Protein backbone atom coordinates (compact mmCIF):
# COMPACT_ATOMS: atom_id res chain seq x y z
CA UNK A 1 131.30 122.16 127.47
CA UNK A 2 129.89 118.85 128.61
CA UNK A 3 126.37 120.32 128.49
CA UNK A 4 126.78 121.43 124.85
CA UNK A 5 127.98 117.99 123.83
CA UNK A 6 125.10 116.36 125.68
CA UNK A 7 122.57 118.62 123.94
CA UNK A 8 124.00 117.77 120.49
CA UNK A 9 123.93 114.04 121.13
CA UNK A 10 120.42 114.30 122.51
CA UNK A 11 119.31 116.29 119.46
CA UNK A 12 120.57 113.50 117.16
CA UNK A 13 119.47 110.47 119.16
CA UNK A 14 115.97 111.57 120.18
CA UNK A 15 114.53 111.83 116.64
CA UNK A 16 115.92 108.38 115.84
CA UNK A 17 114.30 106.90 118.95
CA UNK A 18 110.94 108.45 118.09
CA UNK A 19 111.17 107.35 114.44
CA UNK A 20 111.96 103.71 115.19
CA UNK A 21 109.76 103.59 118.29
CA UNK A 22 106.65 104.77 116.46
CA UNK A 23 106.73 102.32 113.57
CA UNK A 24 104.00 99.70 113.59
CA UNK A 25 104.85 96.06 113.75
CA UNK A 26 102.14 93.62 112.82
CA UNK A 27 100.59 92.02 115.87
CA UNK A 28 101.16 88.29 116.17
CA UNK A 29 98.19 86.31 114.91
CA UNK A 30 96.84 83.98 117.59
CA UNK A 31 96.66 80.32 116.67
CA UNK A 32 93.12 79.23 115.81
CA UNK A 33 91.42 77.23 118.53
CA UNK A 34 89.94 73.92 117.76
CA UNK A 35 86.25 73.81 118.31
CA UNK A 36 85.14 71.01 120.55
CA UNK A 37 82.39 68.88 119.13
CA UNK A 38 79.31 68.74 121.31
CA UNK A 39 76.97 65.90 120.79
CA UNK A 40 73.35 66.90 120.72
CA UNK A 41 71.05 64.90 122.90
CA UNK A 42 67.86 63.57 121.52
CA UNK A 43 64.79 65.50 122.70
CA UNK A 44 63.12 63.98 125.70
CA UNK A 45 59.49 63.12 125.26
CA UNK A 46 57.12 64.84 127.68
CA UNK A 47 55.35 62.57 130.07
CA UNK A 48 52.68 65.22 130.70
CA UNK A 49 50.54 66.53 127.90
CA UNK A 50 50.47 70.34 127.35
CA UNK A 51 46.75 70.52 128.14
CA UNK A 52 47.32 68.88 131.51
CA UNK A 53 50.25 71.20 132.20
CA UNK A 54 48.02 74.27 131.80
CA UNK A 55 45.63 72.84 134.36
CA UNK A 56 48.40 72.19 136.89
CA UNK A 57 50.19 75.55 136.57
CA UNK A 58 47.85 78.55 136.47
CA UNK A 59 48.80 81.38 134.13
CA UNK A 60 50.39 84.36 135.92
CA UNK A 61 48.49 87.62 135.86
CA UNK A 62 49.65 90.87 137.47
CA UNK A 63 47.32 92.35 140.08
CA UNK A 64 48.14 96.06 140.68
CA UNK A 65 45.71 96.36 143.60
CA UNK A 66 47.42 97.99 146.57
CA UNK A 67 50.64 98.70 144.66
CA UNK A 68 52.01 102.02 143.53
CA UNK A 69 52.04 102.71 139.81
CA UNK A 70 55.74 103.07 138.89
CA UNK A 71 54.89 105.18 135.83
CA UNK A 72 52.67 107.68 137.64
CA UNK A 73 54.58 110.76 138.92
CA UNK A 74 54.17 111.06 142.68
CA UNK A 75 53.87 114.86 142.48
CA UNK A 76 51.00 114.71 139.98
CA UNK A 77 48.45 114.56 142.78
CA UNK A 78 49.82 117.81 144.18
CA UNK A 79 49.78 119.54 140.81
CA UNK A 80 46.30 118.31 139.88
CA UNK A 81 43.48 120.69 140.73
CA UNK A 82 41.57 119.46 143.74
CA UNK A 83 38.02 120.06 144.90
CA UNK A 84 39.33 121.96 147.91
CA UNK A 85 39.26 125.71 147.68
CA UNK A 86 42.92 126.54 147.85
CA UNK A 87 45.65 128.07 145.81
CA UNK A 88 44.17 129.58 142.66
CA UNK A 89 45.63 128.66 139.31
CA UNK A 90 47.87 131.03 137.41
CA UNK A 91 45.42 131.31 134.51
CA UNK A 92 44.13 134.74 135.56
CA UNK A 93 46.37 137.72 134.72
CA UNK A 94 47.97 139.45 137.69
CA UNK A 95 46.47 142.65 139.04
CA UNK A 96 48.59 145.54 140.28
CA UNK A 97 48.08 144.31 143.84
CA UNK A 98 49.41 140.83 142.97
CA UNK A 99 52.68 142.05 141.47
CA UNK A 100 54.26 142.98 144.82
CA UNK A 101 55.00 141.01 147.97
CA UNK A 102 52.53 141.52 150.78
CA UNK A 103 55.21 143.00 153.04
CA UNK A 104 55.92 145.76 150.51
CA UNK A 105 52.50 147.38 150.95
CA UNK A 106 51.87 150.12 153.49
CA UNK A 107 48.43 150.72 155.02
CA UNK A 108 47.61 154.42 154.70
CA UNK A 109 43.99 154.55 155.90
CA UNK A 110 41.04 152.42 156.94
CA UNK A 111 37.50 153.76 156.53
CA UNK A 112 33.90 152.57 156.53
CA UNK A 113 31.71 153.22 153.51
CA UNK A 114 28.24 152.37 154.78
CA UNK A 115 28.54 148.88 156.26
CA UNK A 116 31.54 147.99 154.08
CA UNK A 117 35.09 148.64 155.23
CA UNK A 118 37.68 149.92 152.79
CA UNK A 119 41.44 150.24 153.26
CA UNK A 120 43.86 152.43 151.34
CA UNK A 121 47.23 150.80 150.58
CA UNK A 122 50.36 152.26 149.03
CA UNK A 123 52.59 150.02 146.93
CA UNK A 124 56.41 150.34 146.76
CA UNK A 125 56.13 152.69 143.77
CA UNK A 126 53.98 155.09 145.77
CA UNK A 127 50.73 154.31 143.94
CA UNK A 128 47.61 154.15 146.12
CA UNK A 129 45.05 151.33 145.95
CA UNK A 130 41.70 150.92 147.67
CA UNK A 131 40.84 147.39 148.76
CA UNK A 132 37.80 145.64 150.16
CA UNK A 133 37.21 142.22 151.70
CA UNK A 134 37.73 139.44 149.14
CA UNK A 135 40.37 141.23 147.01
CA UNK A 136 43.45 139.21 145.97
CA UNK A 137 46.71 140.80 147.12
CA UNK A 138 50.38 139.82 147.16
CA UNK A 139 52.48 137.40 145.14
CA UNK A 140 51.23 134.39 147.12
CA UNK A 141 47.58 134.95 146.09
CA UNK A 142 46.50 136.25 149.49
CA UNK A 143 42.85 137.22 149.99
CA UNK A 144 41.69 140.07 152.24
CA UNK A 145 39.46 138.45 154.88
CA UNK A 146 38.84 141.34 157.29
CA UNK A 147 39.47 145.07 157.71
CA UNK A 148 39.11 146.63 161.16
CA UNK A 149 40.68 149.25 163.45
CA UNK A 150 43.58 150.15 161.18
CA UNK A 151 44.50 146.51 160.45
CA UNK A 152 44.03 144.56 157.21
CA UNK A 153 43.91 140.75 157.65
CA UNK A 154 45.10 138.74 154.63
CA UNK A 155 44.79 134.95 154.34
CA UNK A 156 47.39 133.12 152.26
CA UNK A 157 46.89 129.45 151.42
CA UNK A 158 49.82 127.26 150.50
CA UNK A 159 50.85 123.62 150.52
CA UNK A 160 53.45 122.30 152.92
CA UNK A 161 56.04 119.61 152.20
CA UNK A 162 53.52 116.84 152.82
CA UNK A 163 51.10 118.40 150.31
CA UNK A 164 48.56 119.49 152.91
CA UNK A 165 46.80 122.82 152.42
CA UNK A 166 47.80 125.33 155.10
CA UNK A 167 46.18 128.69 155.80
CA UNK A 168 48.19 131.60 157.20
CA UNK A 169 46.60 134.89 158.30
CA UNK A 170 48.87 137.93 157.99
CA UNK A 171 48.24 141.41 159.35
CA UNK A 172 48.99 144.71 157.66
CA UNK A 173 48.64 147.55 160.14
CA UNK A 174 48.86 151.31 159.87
CA UNK A 175 52.38 152.27 160.84
CA UNK A 176 52.59 154.43 163.93
CA UNK A 177 55.03 157.29 164.29
CA UNK A 178 57.61 157.39 167.07
CA UNK A 179 55.29 159.52 169.20
CA UNK A 180 52.70 156.72 169.19
CA UNK A 181 50.14 158.62 167.08
CA UNK A 182 48.55 156.98 164.10
């Protein structure tokens, strides 16, 4: 019974509190401050003439020699094409051999055609490709540098964290069966 009475009183009092509590009263207007009067001093006459002042104090000029240009991106040197023979630009469309990672290829055969060596590779889709020395292969723009005795040597050039050009030679060999036969 006490709870019902409390709920009824609360239902009547709460709207009144919100109604009178939410009305706006004008904020009190602060009293205007009196401005203090500042006396202006008479300008002081210069004892040194402006022409003489220019002779005494040289004009400042900025000399950027030996300082880094704050508006030049520090990675621009890495992105700019250099004279070094390195990573080729992405302007040339990809060949079928450049669409797969180097590790996805399987060496099927190595043969000699005259004095030139040729290797047969199989891509992950089962398509065969014949390659010679100098052919681009792999997603990292690797170049075939040598083919001999069932092994294809591929050189990949890349830049390290310091921006130096690094060369890495990878080997693709004919897979041997469990019996050790090629």
